Amino acid sequence: MQAGHPADELVAVYDAAGAVIGVAARGEVYARSLWHGSAGVLLRSGDGERVYVHRRSPQKLVMAGLHDCWAGGVVGPGESPEQTAARELAEELGVIGVPLRPLFALAWDQGRGGLRCHLFAYEASWDGPVVHQPSEIASGGWMDLDELRARLADPDWPFVPDGRALIERWFSERP
């Protein structure tokens, strides 16, 4: 990835159907509401009863300070969504070398000049240590699934909207 200001980072640009069509700086992607890709990993405890929930750092370019349960980020030029997911899990939470299970993809559009993104969801199991990248993660901890459902039911809980779309889809597909 490109060093420097996060707005200067190069990301893969997608079309509305989900095909990669080019590259642009993250700041341009956000300012022009360009379709892009993002991959996220739902980190679950080995028994599957808890997920890792974190609060984004106040320095994040978008959705600063909000909670999320997906370690993830934008797809870089030449990266597959799975490569992005593995990279982001390692960068944000310090989890390396775990198998990723693909879950689903969905197109997410905030509308009226907002973010437009193809979201690629993965899942991993982990009971080892979690090490936050301070520039990305302010705090975090394990949360059981019932507590996460209850918090998501509170519209005032500050949770990232794309992560909410992903976890609501994930919950809807669980037996």
N, C-alpha and C. Protein backbone atom coordinates (compact mmCIF):
# COMPACT_ATOMS: atom_id res chain seq x y z
N MET A 1 0.83 -1.20 0.00
CA MET A 1 0.00 0.00 0.00
C MET A 1 0.87 1.24 0.00
N GLN A 2 0.31 2.29 -0.45
CA GLN A 2 1.01 3.56 -0.58
C GLN A 2 1.13 4.23 0.78
N ALA A 3 2.31 4.77 1.08
CA ALA A 3 2.52 5.48 2.33
C ALA A 3 2.00 6.90 2.19
N GLY A 4 1.90 7.60 3.32
CA GLY A 4 1.46 8.99 3.27
C GLY A 4 0.07 9.15 3.82
N HIS A 5 -0.59 10.19 3.38
CA HIS A 5 -1.95 10.50 3.85
C HIS A 5 -2.93 9.45 3.33
N PRO A 6 -3.87 9.00 4.17
CA PRO A 6 -4.83 7.98 3.71
C PRO A 6 -5.61 8.38 2.46
N ALA A 7 -5.87 9.67 2.27
CA ALA A 7 -6.61 10.10 1.07
C ALA A 7 -5.83 9.86 -0.21
N ASP A 8 -4.51 9.73 -0.09
CA ASP A 8 -3.66 9.52 -1.26
C ASP A 8 -3.50 8.04 -1.62
N GLU A 9 -3.93 7.15 -0.75
CA GLU A 9 -3.79 5.71 -0.99
C GLU A 9 -4.55 5.33 -2.27
N LEU A 10 -3.92 4.54 -3.11
CA LEU A 10 -4.57 4.09 -4.34
C LEU A 10 -5.46 2.90 -4.04
N VAL A 11 -6.66 2.92 -4.62
CA VAL A 11 -7.62 1.82 -4.44
C VAL A 11 -8.18 1.41 -5.80
N ALA A 12 -8.65 0.19 -5.86
CA ALA A 12 -9.28 -0.32 -7.08
C ALA A 12 -10.66 0.31 -7.24
N VAL A 13 -10.96 0.78 -8.43
CA VAL A 13 -12.27 1.35 -8.75
C VAL A 13 -13.07 0.28 -9.49
N TYR A 14 -14.33 0.12 -9.12
CA TYR A 14 -15.22 -0.88 -9.68
C TYR A 14 -16.33 -0.20 -10.47
N ASP A 15 -17.03 -0.97 -11.29
CA ASP A 15 -18.27 -0.47 -11.87
C ASP A 15 -19.42 -0.95 -10.99
N ALA A 16 -20.62 -0.53 -11.31
CA ALA A 16 -21.78 -0.87 -10.48
C ALA A 16 -22.05 -2.36 -10.44
N ALA A 17 -21.62 -3.09 -11.47
CA ALA A 17 -21.84 -4.53 -11.53
C ALA A 17 -20.80 -5.32 -10.74
N GLY A 18 -19.72 -4.68 -10.31
CA GLY A 18 -18.73 -5.37 -9.50
C GLY A 18 -17.44 -5.74 -10.20
N ALA A 19 -17.20 -5.20 -11.39
CA ALA A 19 -15.96 -5.46 -12.11
C ALA A 19 -14.97 -4.33 -11.87
N VAL A 20 -13.71 -4.68 -11.71
CA VAL A 20 -12.66 -3.66 -11.54
C VAL A 20 -12.46 -2.96 -12.87
N ILE A 21 -12.47 -1.61 -12.83
CA ILE A 21 -12.34 -0.83 -14.07
C ILE A 21 -11.20 0.17 -14.03
N GLY A 22 -10.51 0.29 -12.88
CA GLY A 22 -9.43 1.26 -12.82
C GLY A 22 -8.89 1.43 -11.42
N VAL A 23 -8.17 2.53 -11.24
CA VAL A 23 -7.52 2.86 -9.97
C VAL A 23 -7.69 4.35 -9.74
N ALA A 24 -7.88 4.74 -8.48
CA ALA A 24 -7.96 6.16 -8.11
C ALA A 24 -7.50 6.31 -6.67
N ALA A 25 -7.16 7.52 -6.30
CA ALA A 25 -6.82 7.82 -4.91
C ALA A 25 -8.08 7.72 -4.05
N ARG A 26 -7.90 7.23 -2.84
CA ARG A 26 -9.03 7.06 -1.92
C ARG A 26 -9.82 8.35 -1.77
N GLY A 27 -9.15 9.48 -1.64
CA GLY A 27 -9.84 10.75 -1.48
C GLY A 27 -10.73 11.07 -2.67
N GLU A 28 -10.26 10.76 -3.87
CA GLU A 28 -11.07 10.98 -5.07
C GLU A 28 -12.26 10.02 -5.11
N VAL A 29 -12.02 8.78 -4.73
CA VAL A 29 -13.10 7.79 -4.69
C VAL A 29 -14.22 8.27 -3.78
N TYR A 30 -13.85 8.76 -2.59
CA TYR A 30 -14.86 9.23 -1.64
C TYR A 30 -15.52 10.52 -2.13
N ALA A 31 -14.73 11.46 -2.63
CA ALA A 31 -15.27 12.76 -3.06
C ALA A 31 -16.22 12.62 -4.25
N ARG A 32 -15.90 11.71 -5.17
CA ARG A 32 -16.72 11.55 -6.37
C ARG A 32 -17.72 10.41 -6.26
N SER A 33 -17.79 9.78 -5.10
CA SER A 33 -18.73 8.67 -4.87
C SER A 33 -18.53 7.55 -5.91
N LEU A 34 -17.27 7.19 -6.14
CA LEU A 34 -16.97 6.13 -7.09
C LEU A 34 -17.17 4.76 -6.44
N TRP A 35 -17.63 3.83 -7.24
CA TRP A 35 -17.74 2.45 -6.76
C TRP A 35 -16.34 1.92 -6.49
N HIS A 36 -16.17 1.24 -5.37
CA HIS A 36 -14.90 0.61 -5.03
C HIS A 36 -15.20 -0.67 -4.27
N GLY A 37 -14.16 -1.41 -3.93
CA GLY A 37 -14.34 -2.65 -3.20
C GLY A 37 -13.77 -2.55 -1.81
N SER A 38 -14.37 -3.29 -0.90
CA SER A 38 -13.90 -3.36 0.46
C SER A 38 -14.10 -4.79 0.95
N ALA A 39 -13.13 -5.30 1.66
CA ALA A 39 -13.23 -6.65 2.21
C ALA A 39 -13.17 -6.58 3.72
N GLY A 40 -13.98 -7.38 4.39
CA GLY A 40 -14.00 -7.39 5.84
C GLY A 40 -14.04 -8.79 6.38
N VAL A 41 -13.43 -8.96 7.55
CA VAL A 41 -13.40 -10.26 8.21
C VAL A 41 -14.11 -10.15 9.55
N LEU A 42 -15.08 -11.02 9.75
CA LEU A 42 -15.76 -11.17 11.04
C LEU A 42 -14.92 -12.15 11.84
N LEU A 43 -14.25 -11.66 12.87
CA LEU A 43 -13.39 -12.50 13.70
C LEU A 43 -14.22 -13.10 14.82
N ARG A 44 -14.33 -14.43 14.79
CA ARG A 44 -15.15 -15.14 15.79
C ARG A 44 -14.26 -15.95 16.71
N SER A 45 -14.72 -16.13 17.92
CA SER A 45 -14.00 -16.99 18.86
C SER A 45 -14.07 -18.43 18.35
N GLY A 46 -13.19 -19.27 18.83
CA GLY A 46 -13.15 -20.66 18.38
C GLY A 46 -14.45 -21.40 18.58
N ASP A 47 -15.19 -21.06 19.64
CA ASP A 47 -16.48 -21.72 19.87
C ASP A 47 -17.61 -21.08 19.07
N GLY A 48 -17.31 -19.98 18.38
CA GLY A 48 -18.30 -19.31 17.53
C GLY A 48 -19.31 -18.47 18.27
N GLU A 49 -19.18 -18.35 19.58
CA GLU A 49 -20.18 -17.64 20.38
C GLU A 49 -19.93 -16.15 20.53
N ARG A 50 -18.72 -15.70 20.18
CA ARG A 50 -18.38 -14.29 20.34
C ARG A 50 -17.73 -13.78 19.06
N VAL A 51 -17.84 -12.46 18.87
CA VAL A 51 -17.15 -11.80 17.76
C VAL A 51 -16.34 -10.65 18.35
N TYR A 52 -15.32 -10.26 17.61
CA TYR A 52 -14.48 -9.17 18.07
C TYR A 52 -15.07 -7.85 17.55
N VAL A 53 -15.39 -6.96 18.46
CA VAL A 53 -15.98 -5.66 18.13
C VAL A 53 -14.97 -4.59 18.55
N HIS A 54 -14.75 -3.64 17.67
CA HIS A 54 -13.79 -2.59 17.96
C HIS A 54 -14.38 -1.22 17.65
N ARG A 55 -13.71 -0.22 18.18
CA ARG A 55 -14.08 1.17 17.88
C ARG A 55 -12.97 1.76 17.01
N ARG A 56 -13.39 2.32 15.89
CA ARG A 56 -12.44 2.92 14.95
C ARG A 56 -11.78 4.14 15.57
N SER A 57 -10.54 4.37 15.21
CA SER A 57 -9.81 5.50 15.79
C SER A 57 -10.43 6.82 15.31
N PRO A 58 -10.23 7.88 16.08
CA PRO A 58 -10.77 9.19 15.68
C PRO A 58 -10.05 9.79 14.48
N GLN A 59 -8.93 9.20 14.07
CA GLN A 59 -8.18 9.72 12.92
C GLN A 59 -8.63 9.11 11.59
N LYS A 60 -9.54 8.16 11.60
CA LYS A 60 -9.95 7.50 10.36
C LYS A 60 -10.54 8.52 9.39
N LEU A 61 -10.32 8.29 8.10
CA LEU A 61 -10.78 9.21 7.05
C LEU A 61 -12.31 9.25 6.98
N VAL A 62 -12.95 8.10 7.16
CA VAL A 62 -14.42 8.03 7.18
C VAL A 62 -14.85 7.21 8.38
N MET A 63 -16.01 7.52 8.88
CA MET A 63 -16.64 6.80 9.99
C MET A 63 -15.75 6.70 11.22
N ALA A 64 -15.02 7.77 11.49
CA ALA A 64 -14.13 7.82 12.64
C ALA A 64 -14.89 7.66 13.95
N GLY A 65 -14.31 6.89 14.86
CA GLY A 65 -14.88 6.75 16.20
C GLY A 65 -16.08 5.82 16.32
N LEU A 66 -16.54 5.25 15.22
CA LEU A 66 -17.70 4.36 15.27
C LEU A 66 -17.27 2.92 15.57
N HIS A 67 -18.19 2.13 16.08
CA HIS A 67 -17.93 0.72 16.33
C HIS A 67 -18.06 -0.08 15.04
N ASP A 68 -17.39 -1.23 15.02
CA ASP A 68 -17.46 -2.15 13.88
C ASP A 68 -17.11 -3.54 14.38
N CYS A 69 -17.59 -4.55 13.67
CA CYS A 69 -17.23 -5.93 14.00
C CYS A 69 -16.51 -6.60 12.83
N TRP A 70 -16.10 -5.82 11.85
CA TRP A 70 -15.40 -6.31 10.68
C TRP A 70 -14.03 -5.66 10.63
N ALA A 71 -12.98 -6.46 10.57
CA ALA A 71 -11.64 -5.93 10.30
C ALA A 71 -11.55 -5.86 8.79
N GLY A 72 -11.38 -4.67 8.26
CA GLY A 72 -11.39 -4.60 6.81
C GLY A 72 -10.97 -3.28 6.27
N GLY A 73 -10.98 -3.22 4.94
CA GLY A 73 -10.62 -1.99 4.27
C GLY A 73 -10.75 -2.12 2.77
N VAL A 74 -10.33 -1.09 2.08
CA VAL A 74 -10.51 -1.01 0.64
C VAL A 74 -9.59 -1.98 -0.09
N VAL A 75 -10.06 -2.46 -1.24
CA VAL A 75 -9.28 -3.33 -2.10
C VAL A 75 -8.27 -2.47 -2.85
N GLY A 76 -7.02 -2.86 -2.77
CA GLY A 76 -5.97 -2.13 -3.44
C GLY A 76 -5.81 -2.56 -4.89
N PRO A 77 -5.09 -1.79 -5.68
CA PRO A 77 -4.84 -2.15 -7.08
C PRO A 77 -4.16 -3.52 -7.18
N GLY A 78 -4.72 -4.40 -8.00
CA GLY A 78 -4.15 -5.72 -8.20
C GLY A 78 -4.42 -6.72 -7.09
N GLU A 79 -5.14 -6.31 -6.06
CA GLU A 79 -5.45 -7.21 -4.94
C GLU A 79 -6.79 -7.89 -5.17
N SER A 80 -6.89 -9.13 -4.74
CA SER A 80 -8.20 -9.79 -4.69
C SER A 80 -8.86 -9.41 -3.37
N PRO A 81 -10.18 -9.52 -3.28
CA PRO A 81 -10.83 -9.25 -1.99
C PRO A 81 -10.29 -10.14 -0.87
N GLU A 82 -9.97 -11.39 -1.16
CA GLU A 82 -9.44 -12.27 -0.11
C GLU A 82 -8.06 -11.80 0.36
N GLN A 83 -7.23 -11.33 -0.55
CA GLN A 83 -5.93 -10.78 -0.15
C GLN A 83 -6.13 -9.54 0.72
N THR A 84 -7.07 -8.70 0.34
CA THR A 84 -7.37 -7.52 1.14
C THR A 84 -7.82 -7.92 2.53
N ALA A 85 -8.71 -8.91 2.62
CA ALA A 85 -9.23 -9.36 3.91
C ALA A 85 -8.10 -9.85 4.81
N ALA A 86 -7.21 -10.67 4.27
CA ALA A 86 -6.09 -11.19 5.06
C ALA A 86 -5.17 -10.05 5.50
N ARG A 87 -4.87 -9.13 4.60
CA ARG A 87 -4.01 -7.99 4.92
C ARG A 87 -4.62 -7.14 6.03
N GLU A 88 -5.90 -6.82 5.90
CA GLU A 88 -6.56 -5.95 6.88
C GLU A 88 -6.68 -6.63 8.25
N LEU A 89 -6.95 -7.92 8.28
CA LEU A 89 -7.03 -8.65 9.55
C LEU A 89 -5.67 -8.58 10.25
N ALA A 90 -4.59 -8.75 9.49
CA ALA A 90 -3.25 -8.67 10.06
C ALA A 90 -2.93 -7.25 10.51
N GLU A 91 -3.23 -6.26 9.67
CA GLU A 91 -2.91 -4.87 10.00
C GLU A 91 -3.70 -4.36 11.20
N GLU A 92 -5.00 -4.56 11.19
CA GLU A 92 -5.86 -3.96 12.22
C GLU A 92 -5.84 -4.71 13.53
N LEU A 93 -5.86 -6.05 13.48
CA LEU A 93 -6.00 -6.84 14.71
C LEU A 93 -4.81 -7.74 15.00
N GLY A 94 -3.80 -7.74 14.13
CA GLY A 94 -2.62 -8.54 14.37
C GLY A 94 -2.82 -10.04 14.24
N VAL A 95 -3.87 -10.45 13.55
CA VAL A 95 -4.17 -11.87 13.37
C VAL A 95 -3.65 -12.30 12.00
N ILE A 96 -2.72 -13.25 12.01
CA ILE A 96 -2.04 -13.66 10.80
C ILE A 96 -2.13 -15.17 10.61
N GLY A 97 -2.31 -15.59 9.36
CA GLY A 97 -2.21 -17.00 9.01
C GLY A 97 -3.42 -17.85 9.33
N VAL A 98 -4.56 -17.24 9.59
CA VAL A 98 -5.77 -18.03 9.85
C VAL A 98 -6.54 -18.22 8.55
N PRO A 99 -7.20 -19.36 8.40
CA PRO A 99 -8.02 -19.55 7.19
C PRO A 99 -9.20 -18.58 7.17
N LEU A 100 -9.47 -18.03 5.99
CA LEU A 100 -10.62 -17.15 5.80
C LEU A 100 -11.70 -17.94 5.07
N ARG A 101 -12.92 -17.87 5.57
CA ARG A 101 -14.06 -18.50 4.91
C ARG A 101 -14.87 -17.42 4.21
N PRO A 102 -15.00 -17.51 2.87
CA PRO A 102 -15.83 -16.51 2.18
C PRO A 102 -17.29 -16.68 2.61
N LEU A 103 -17.95 -15.57 2.84
CA LEU A 103 -19.36 -15.59 3.25
C LEU A 103 -20.28 -15.15 2.11
N PHE A 104 -20.15 -13.90 1.69
CA PHE A 104 -21.03 -13.34 0.66
C PHE A 104 -20.46 -12.00 0.23
N ALA A 105 -21.03 -11.46 -0.81
CA ALA A 105 -20.70 -10.10 -1.25
C ALA A 105 -22.02 -9.36 -1.43
N LEU A 106 -21.98 -8.06 -1.21
CA LEU A 106 -23.17 -7.26 -1.47
C LEU A 106 -22.76 -5.87 -1.91
N ALA A 107 -23.60 -5.26 -2.73
CA ALA A 107 -23.38 -3.89 -3.17
C ALA A 107 -24.05 -2.98 -2.16
N TRP A 108 -23.31 -1.99 -1.68
CA TRP A 108 -23.81 -1.07 -0.66
C TRP A 108 -23.69 0.35 -1.19
N ASP A 109 -24.80 1.06 -1.20
CA ASP A 109 -24.84 2.40 -1.77
C ASP A 109 -25.53 3.32 -0.76
N GLN A 110 -24.78 4.28 -0.22
CA GLN A 110 -25.35 5.22 0.74
C GLN A 110 -26.30 6.21 0.08
N GLY A 111 -26.21 6.32 -1.24
CA GLY A 111 -27.10 7.24 -1.95
C GLY A 111 -26.65 8.69 -1.85
N ARG A 112 -27.15 9.52 -2.77
CA ARG A 112 -26.93 10.97 -2.80
C ARG A 112 -25.51 11.40 -2.49
N GLY A 113 -24.56 10.92 -3.27
CA GLY A 113 -23.18 11.34 -3.12
C GLY A 113 -22.42 10.66 -2.00
N GLY A 114 -23.01 9.64 -1.39
CA GLY A 114 -22.34 8.92 -0.31
C GLY A 114 -21.45 7.81 -0.86
N LEU A 115 -20.97 6.99 0.03
CA LEU A 115 -20.10 5.89 -0.36
C LEU A 115 -20.87 4.84 -1.16
N ARG A 116 -20.19 4.30 -2.18
CA ARG A 116 -20.74 3.21 -2.98
C ARG A 116 -19.66 2.14 -3.05
N CYS A 117 -19.99 0.97 -2.54
CA CYS A 117 -18.94 -0.03 -2.35
C CYS A 117 -19.48 -1.45 -2.55
N HIS A 118 -18.65 -2.28 -3.15
CA HIS A 118 -18.90 -3.72 -3.19
C HIS A 118 -18.21 -4.31 -1.98
N LEU A 119 -19.00 -4.86 -1.06
CA LEU A 119 -18.49 -5.38 0.20
C LEU A 119 -18.32 -6.90 0.09
N PHE A 120 -17.14 -7.38 0.42
CA PHE A 120 -16.81 -8.79 0.37
C PHE A 120 -16.59 -9.28 1.81
N ALA A 121 -17.45 -10.17 2.28
CA ALA A 121 -17.42 -10.62 3.67
C ALA A 121 -16.75 -11.98 3.82
N TYR A 122 -15.91 -12.06 4.84
CA TYR A 122 -15.20 -13.29 5.21
C TYR A 122 -15.36 -13.50 6.70
N GLU A 123 -15.00 -14.71 7.13
CA GLU A 123 -15.08 -15.06 8.54
C GLU A 123 -13.82 -15.84 8.90
N ALA A 124 -13.34 -15.65 10.13
CA ALA A 124 -12.20 -16.41 10.63
C ALA A 124 -12.44 -16.72 12.10
N SER A 125 -11.84 -17.79 12.56
CA SER A 125 -11.91 -18.17 13.98
C SER A 125 -10.55 -17.94 14.62
N TRP A 126 -10.57 -17.46 15.86
CA TRP A 126 -9.32 -17.11 16.53
C TRP A 126 -9.54 -17.03 18.03
N ASP A 127 -8.65 -17.64 18.78
CA ASP A 127 -8.68 -17.52 20.24
C ASP A 127 -7.37 -16.96 20.78
N GLY A 128 -6.51 -16.51 19.91
CA GLY A 128 -5.22 -15.96 20.33
C GLY A 128 -5.32 -14.49 20.66
N PRO A 129 -4.17 -13.88 20.85
CA PRO A 129 -4.15 -12.45 21.19
C PRO A 129 -4.57 -11.58 20.01
N VAL A 130 -5.17 -10.44 20.34
CA VAL A 130 -5.54 -9.44 19.35
C VAL A 130 -4.70 -8.20 19.66
N VAL A 131 -4.02 -7.70 18.63
CA VAL A 131 -3.14 -6.54 18.80
C VAL A 131 -3.63 -5.44 17.85
N HIS A 132 -4.12 -4.36 18.42
CA HIS A 132 -4.67 -3.26 17.62
C HIS A 132 -3.58 -2.45 16.95
N GLN A 133 -3.87 -2.00 15.74
CA GLN A 133 -3.05 -0.99 15.08
C GLN A 133 -3.61 0.36 15.57
N PRO A 134 -2.86 1.12 16.37
CA PRO A 134 -3.41 2.34 16.99
C PRO A 134 -3.97 3.36 16.01
N SER A 135 -3.42 3.45 14.81
CA SER A 135 -3.95 4.42 13.86
C SER A 135 -5.30 4.00 13.29
N GLU A 136 -5.67 2.74 13.48
CA GLU A 136 -6.92 2.21 12.94
C GLU A 136 -7.96 1.93 14.03
N ILE A 137 -7.50 1.39 15.16
CA ILE A 137 -8.39 0.88 16.20
C ILE A 137 -8.12 1.59 17.52
N ALA A 138 -9.16 2.19 18.11
CA ALA A 138 -9.02 2.88 19.40
C ALA A 138 -9.16 1.91 20.56
N SER A 139 -10.07 0.94 20.45
CA SER A 139 -10.31 -0.03 21.52
C SER A 139 -11.11 -1.19 20.94
N GLY A 140 -11.20 -2.27 21.69
CA GLY A 140 -11.99 -3.40 21.22
C GLY A 140 -12.04 -4.52 22.23
N GLY A 141 -12.89 -5.49 21.95
CA GLY A 141 -13.01 -6.65 22.83
C GLY A 141 -14.03 -7.64 22.26
N TRP A 142 -14.06 -8.80 22.88
CA TRP A 142 -14.98 -9.85 22.45
C TRP A 142 -16.39 -9.55 22.96
N MET A 143 -17.38 -9.81 22.13
CA MET A 143 -18.78 -9.58 22.48
C MET A 143 -19.59 -10.79 22.05
N ASP A 144 -20.46 -11.25 22.96
CA ASP A 144 -21.26 -12.41 22.54
C ASP A 144 -22.33 -11.97 21.55
N LEU A 145 -22.81 -12.93 20.78
CA LEU A 145 -23.71 -12.63 19.67
C LEU A 145 -25.01 -11.99 20.13
N ASP A 146 -25.55 -12.44 21.27
CA ASP A 146 -26.80 -11.84 21.76
C ASP A 146 -26.60 -10.38 22.13
N GLU A 147 -25.46 -10.05 22.75
CA GLU A 147 -25.19 -8.66 23.09
C GLU A 147 -25.03 -7.81 21.83
N LEU A 148 -24.35 -8.36 20.82
CA LEU A 148 -24.19 -7.61 19.57
C LEU A 148 -25.55 -7.35 18.93
N ARG A 149 -26.41 -8.36 18.90
CA ARG A 149 -27.77 -8.16 18.36
C ARG A 149 -28.50 -7.06 19.11
N ALA A 150 -28.42 -7.09 20.44
CA ALA A 150 -29.11 -6.10 21.26
C ALA A 150 -28.57 -4.69 20.99
N ARG A 151 -27.26 -4.56 20.89
CA ARG A 151 -26.68 -3.23 20.63
C ARG A 151 -27.06 -2.72 19.24
N LEU A 152 -27.07 -3.62 18.27
CA LEU A 152 -27.45 -3.22 16.91
C LEU A 152 -28.91 -2.78 16.85
N ALA A 153 -29.74 -3.28 17.74
CA ALA A 153 -31.15 -2.88 17.78
C ALA A 153 -31.33 -1.44 18.28
N ASP A 154 -30.28 -0.89 18.91
CA ASP A 154 -30.32 0.48 19.40
C ASP A 154 -29.83 1.40 18.28
N PRO A 155 -30.73 2.19 17.67
CA PRO A 155 -30.32 3.05 16.55
C PRO A 155 -29.32 4.14 16.96
N ASP A 156 -29.17 4.38 18.26
CA ASP A 156 -28.24 5.40 18.73
C ASP A 156 -26.83 4.85 18.98
N TRP A 157 -26.66 3.52 18.88
CA TRP A 157 -25.32 2.97 19.08
C TRP A 157 -24.48 3.33 17.86
N PRO A 158 -23.35 4.00 18.03
CA PRO A 158 -22.56 4.47 16.88
C PRO A 158 -21.82 3.32 16.19
N PHE A 159 -22.45 2.76 15.16
CA PHE A 159 -21.91 1.60 14.45
C PHE A 159 -21.81 1.95 12.97
N VAL A 160 -20.73 1.53 12.32
CA VAL A 160 -20.52 1.87 10.91
C VAL A 160 -21.67 1.32 10.06
N PRO A 161 -22.21 2.11 9.15
CA PRO A 161 -23.38 1.66 8.38
C PRO A 161 -23.09 0.49 7.43
N ASP A 162 -21.90 0.45 6.81
CA ASP A 162 -21.63 -0.68 5.93
C ASP A 162 -21.43 -1.96 6.74
N GLY A 163 -20.78 -1.84 7.89
CA GLY A 163 -20.63 -2.99 8.77
C GLY A 163 -21.97 -3.47 9.30
N ARG A 164 -22.89 -2.53 9.54
CA ARG A 164 -24.24 -2.91 9.98
C ARG A 164 -24.94 -3.72 8.89
N ALA A 165 -24.80 -3.28 7.63
CA ALA A 165 -25.43 -4.02 6.53
C ALA A 165 -24.87 -5.44 6.45
N LEU A 166 -23.56 -5.56 6.62
CA LEU A 166 -22.94 -6.89 6.56
C LEU A 166 -23.38 -7.78 7.72
N ILE A 167 -23.35 -7.26 8.95
CA ILE A 167 -23.69 -8.13 10.09
C ILE A 167 -25.17 -8.46 10.11
N GLU A 168 -26.02 -7.54 9.67
CA GLU A 168 -27.45 -7.86 9.60
C GLU A 168 -27.69 -8.97 8.57
N ARG A 169 -26.99 -8.92 7.45
CA ARG A 169 -27.09 -10.01 6.47
C ARG A 169 -26.58 -11.31 7.07
N TRP A 170 -25.44 -11.25 7.77
CA TRP A 170 -24.88 -12.43 8.40
C TRP A 170 -25.85 -13.04 9.41
N PHE A 171 -26.44 -12.20 10.27
CA PHE A 171 -27.43 -12.69 11.24
C PHE A 171 -28.64 -13.30 10.52
N SER A 172 -29.08 -12.70 9.42
CA SER A 172 -30.26 -13.19 8.72
C SER A 172 -30.04 -14.56 8.10
N GLU A 173 -28.77 -14.91 7.83
CA GLU A 173 -28.46 -16.20 7.20
C GLU A 173 -28.12 -17.28 8.23
N ARG A 174 -28.10 -16.93 9.48
CA ARG A 174 -27.80 -17.93 10.53
C ARG A 174 -29.07 -18.69 10.87
N PRO A 175 -28.91 -19.99 11.12
CA PRO A 175 -30.11 -20.79 11.49
C PRO A 175 -30.69 -20.38 12.82
